[in-house]
Amino acid sequence: MVGASGVGKTTFLHIIGTLDRPGAGEVLHNGENVFTWPDSKLSQYRNAQLGFVFQFHHLLPEFSAIENVMMPCLVAGISSAEARSRAADILEYLGLSNRENHRVGQLSGGEQQRVALARAMVQRPGLLLADEPTGNLDEKTGEQVAKLLFTLNREYGTTIIVVTHNLTLARKMDRCIGITDGTAVELSSDELVRFGVGAVHV
């Protein structure tokens, strides 16, 4: 998803992710409007079915990498031993086994974003929502994170919705949707530049 700043891209992600409620319309999961559910069921759905990655990783600085990744499992009531095992597996998959016991402040920006990605994927969600996941990274690290997103999509079968100003990343996606004047339109790769993919990081 692309568009100028302020058109509603992040709000759209927050509504899809049930973090915000829409003023009108519905969000359907298996034919059910999720916003008719009680808060307890909505929280359970969010934790089990959705993963979130943001430009600023929102990791808990007082905990280690593996403890941060364990959190969604612990919230879901999974035992500490199983949560640690799952977290260790996904961190190994993302090339962070040697960093799992480091605190957030001891990790590079790219490592922090990979830990955030591991936390988002530890429950194997069906849908991953990523808001500018490469926006706070240098070009090389951003490319590494982008490759990991595509690998997770391919090997886990996870659907990924990305909001980005990164033209290179946008062009690699299966579909590109632009938001303008409250309307979503599908874009070809060639239309991205004309559409105005803001601050382009190539």
Protein backbone atom coordinates (compact mmCIF):
# COMPACT_ATOMS: atom_id res chain seq x y z
CA MET A 1 0.00 0.00 0.00
CA VAL A 2 1.35 3.38 -1.04
CA GLY A 3 0.18 6.95 -0.90
CA ALA A 4 1.05 10.39 0.37
CA SER A 5 1.49 11.00 4.08
CA GLY A 6 -1.80 11.44 5.89
CA VAL A 7 -4.08 9.66 3.39
CA GLY A 8 -4.91 6.85 5.82
CA LYS A 9 -2.50 3.99 5.10
CA THR A 10 -1.60 3.38 8.73
CA THR A 11 -5.22 3.83 9.80
CA PHE A 12 -6.18 1.17 7.26
CA LEU A 13 -3.62 -1.24 8.74
CA HIS A 14 -4.84 -0.49 12.27
CA ILE A 15 -8.42 -1.25 11.27
CA ILE A 16 -7.46 -4.49 9.50
CA GLY A 17 -5.42 -5.35 12.61
CA THR A 18 -8.38 -4.49 14.91
CA LEU A 19 -6.32 -1.88 16.74
CA ASP A 20 -8.81 0.82 15.62
CA ARG A 21 -12.53 0.55 14.90
CA PRO A 22 -13.90 1.80 11.57
CA GLY A 23 -16.44 4.60 11.49
CA ALA A 24 -18.41 2.59 8.92
CA GLY A 25 -18.18 -0.72 7.12
CA GLU A 26 -17.05 -4.15 8.30
CA VAL A 27 -13.91 -6.24 8.63
CA LEU A 28 -14.78 -9.87 7.89
CA HIS A 29 -12.93 -12.99 9.02
CA ASN A 30 -14.45 -16.23 7.70
CA GLY A 31 -17.63 -14.29 7.02
CA GLU A 32 -17.91 -12.75 10.50
CA ASN A 33 -17.59 -9.06 11.27
CA VAL A 34 -14.79 -9.09 13.84
CA PHE A 35 -16.01 -5.87 15.43
CA THR A 36 -19.15 -7.61 16.66
CA TRP A 37 -16.98 -9.83 18.87
CA PRO A 38 -16.42 -9.16 22.57
CA ASP A 39 -13.06 -7.62 23.44
CA SER A 40 -11.76 -10.89 24.86
CA LYS A 41 -12.36 -12.75 21.58
CA LEU A 42 -10.97 -9.85 19.58
CA SER A 43 -7.77 -9.87 21.65
CA GLN A 44 -7.43 -13.63 21.23
CA TYR A 45 -7.91 -13.31 17.46
CA ARG A 46 -5.36 -10.50 17.26
CA ASN A 47 -2.75 -12.48 19.19
CA ALA A 48 -3.26 -15.79 17.38
CA GLN A 49 -4.07 -14.76 13.81
CA LEU A 50 -2.25 -11.46 13.23
CA GLY A 51 1.36 -10.31 13.32
CA PHE A 52 2.50 -6.69 13.44
CA VAL A 53 5.79 -5.07 12.41
CA PHE A 54 6.25 -1.31 12.63
CA GLN A 55 8.90 1.15 11.48
CA PHE A 56 9.87 1.60 15.13
CA HIS A 57 10.04 -1.93 16.46
CA HIS A 58 8.39 -1.32 19.88
CA LEU A 59 10.52 -3.96 21.59
CA LEU A 60 10.68 -4.01 25.39
CA PRO A 61 14.17 -2.72 26.26
CA GLU A 62 14.34 -4.38 29.68
CA PHE A 63 14.07 -7.84 28.14
CA SER A 64 16.37 -9.92 25.95
CA ALA A 65 15.68 -10.68 22.30
CA ILE A 66 14.31 -14.13 23.06
CA GLU A 67 12.12 -12.83 25.90
CA ASN A 68 10.61 -10.24 23.55
CA VAL A 69 9.84 -12.93 20.98
CA MET A 70 8.29 -15.18 23.63
CA MET A 71 5.71 -12.56 24.66
CA PRO A 72 2.87 -13.40 22.22
CA CYS A 73 3.09 -17.07 23.22
CA LEU A 74 3.01 -16.26 26.93
CA VAL A 75 0.02 -13.97 26.43
CA ALA A 76 -1.73 -16.86 24.67
CA GLY A 77 -1.17 -19.08 27.72
CA ILE A 78 1.55 -21.24 26.20
CA SER A 79 4.03 -22.63 28.71
CA SER A 80 7.32 -20.80 29.21
CA ALA A 81 9.30 -23.79 27.97
CA GLU A 82 7.29 -24.09 24.76
CA ALA A 83 7.35 -20.32 24.23
CA ARG A 84 11.13 -20.29 24.60
CA SER A 85 11.48 -23.21 22.18
CA ARG A 86 9.34 -21.51 19.54
CA ALA A 87 11.17 -18.21 20.01
CA ALA A 88 14.56 -19.88 19.70
CA ASP A 89 13.47 -21.63 16.49
CA ILE A 90 12.28 -18.44 14.77
CA LEU A 91 15.35 -16.48 15.91
CA GLU A 92 17.57 -19.21 14.47
CA TYR A 93 15.59 -19.07 11.23
CA LEU A 94 16.22 -15.31 11.05
CA GLY A 95 19.93 -15.72 11.80
CA LEU A 96 19.85 -14.39 15.36
CA SER A 97 20.69 -17.45 17.47
CA ASN A 98 23.88 -15.80 18.69
CA ARG A 99 21.98 -12.67 19.77
CA GLU A 100 18.98 -14.17 21.56
CA ASN A 101 20.20 -13.34 25.08
CA HIS A 102 21.20 -9.76 24.26
CA ARG A 103 19.11 -6.85 25.48
CA VAL A 104 17.46 -4.63 22.87
CA GLY A 105 19.99 -1.84 23.40
CA GLN A 106 22.82 -4.23 22.51
CA LEU A 107 21.38 -4.97 19.07
CA SER A 108 21.84 -3.05 15.82
CA GLY A 109 18.85 -1.45 14.12
CA GLY A 110 18.61 -4.29 11.63
CA GLU A 111 18.84 -6.90 14.40
CA GLN A 112 16.11 -5.13 16.35
CA GLN A 113 13.84 -5.15 13.31
CA ARG A 114 14.51 -8.86 12.78
CA VAL A 115 13.64 -9.51 16.43
CA ALA A 116 10.41 -7.58 15.89
CA LEU A 117 9.76 -9.73 12.82
CA ALA A 118 10.42 -12.89 14.85
CA ARG A 119 7.98 -11.70 17.52
CA ALA A 120 5.35 -11.05 14.86
CA MET A 121 5.83 -14.51 13.33
CA VAL A 122 6.32 -16.69 16.42
CA GLN A 123 2.62 -17.67 16.47
CA ARG A 124 2.66 -18.41 12.72
CA PRO A 125 -0.10 -15.87 11.97
CA GLY A 126 -2.07 -16.06 8.76
CA LEU A 127 -1.67 -12.31 8.20
CA LEU A 128 1.34 -10.08 8.84
CA LEU A 129 0.79 -6.31 8.82
CA ALA A 130 3.95 -4.27 8.27
CA ASP A 131 3.99 -0.47 8.53
CA GLU A 132 7.15 0.98 6.92
CA PRO A 133 9.24 -2.05 8.03
CA THR A 134 12.33 -0.76 6.20
CA GLY A 135 11.74 2.96 6.73
CA ASN A 136 14.15 3.37 9.65
CA LEU A 137 16.95 1.23 8.20
CA ASP A 138 19.88 1.84 5.90
CA GLU A 139 19.62 0.54 2.34
CA LYS A 140 21.50 -2.73 2.87
CA THR A 141 19.69 -3.63 6.10
CA GLY A 142 16.35 -2.66 4.56
CA GLU A 143 17.00 -5.05 1.68
CA GLN A 144 17.77 -7.85 4.16
CA VAL A 145 14.51 -7.27 6.03
CA ALA A 146 12.58 -7.15 2.75
CA LYS A 147 14.09 -10.49 1.69
CA LEU A 148 13.03 -12.00 5.01
CA LEU A 149 9.45 -10.83 4.44
CA PHE A 150 9.34 -12.59 1.07
CA THR A 151 10.93 -15.72 2.54
CA LEU A 152 8.30 -15.86 5.30
CA ASN A 153 5.56 -15.39 2.72
CA ARG A 154 6.94 -18.21 0.58
CA GLU A 155 7.83 -20.74 3.27
CA TYR A 156 5.13 -20.06 5.90
CA GLY A 157 2.33 -19.12 3.49
CA THR A 158 1.75 -15.92 5.45
CA THR A 159 -0.15 -13.14 3.70
CA ILE A 160 1.71 -9.85 4.11
CA ILE A 161 0.28 -6.35 3.77
CA VAL A 162 2.99 -3.69 3.69
CA VAL A 163 2.64 0.08 3.89
CA THR A 164 5.75 1.62 2.39
CA HIS A 165 7.34 4.63 0.73
CA ASN A 166 10.13 2.35 -0.50
CA LEU A 167 9.76 2.18 -4.28
CA THR A 168 12.09 -0.80 -4.62
CA LEU A 169 10.10 -2.80 -2.07
CA ALA A 170 6.75 -1.79 -3.55
CA ARG A 171 7.80 -2.95 -7.02
CA LYS A 172 8.60 -6.43 -5.68
CA MET A 173 5.13 -7.00 -4.24
CA ASP A 174 2.52 -9.15 -5.98
CA ARG A 175 -0.01 -6.29 -5.93
CA CYS A 176 0.26 -2.56 -5.25
CA ILE A 177 -2.66 -0.55 -3.91
CA GLY A 178 -2.60 3.24 -3.80
CA ILE A 179 -4.80 5.35 -1.55
CA THR A 180 -5.87 8.79 -2.71
CA ASP A 181 -8.88 10.93 -1.77
CA GLY A 182 -10.24 8.11 0.37
CA THR A 183 -10.22 5.64 -2.51
CA ALA A 184 -8.05 2.55 -2.98
CA VAL A 185 -6.87 1.83 -6.53
CA GLU A 186 -4.70 -0.96 -7.90
CA LEU A 187 -1.46 0.25 -9.47
CA SER A 188 0.93 -1.20 -12.00
CA SER A 189 4.65 -1.04 -11.28
CA ASP A 190 5.02 1.84 -13.75
CA GLU A 191 2.30 3.86 -12.05
CA LEU A 192 4.03 3.89 -8.66
CA VAL A 193 6.31 6.81 -9.44
CA ARG A 194 3.56 8.83 -11.08
CA PHE A 195 1.37 8.06 -8.09
CA GLY A 196 3.94 9.72 -5.85
CA VAL A 197 5.58 7.15 -3.62
CA GLY A 198 6.84 9.97 -1.37
CA ALA A 199 10.33 9.76 0.09
CA VAL A 200 11.73 7.00 -2.09
CA HIS A 201 14.57 4.91 -0.65
CA VAL A 202 16.20 2.98 -3.48
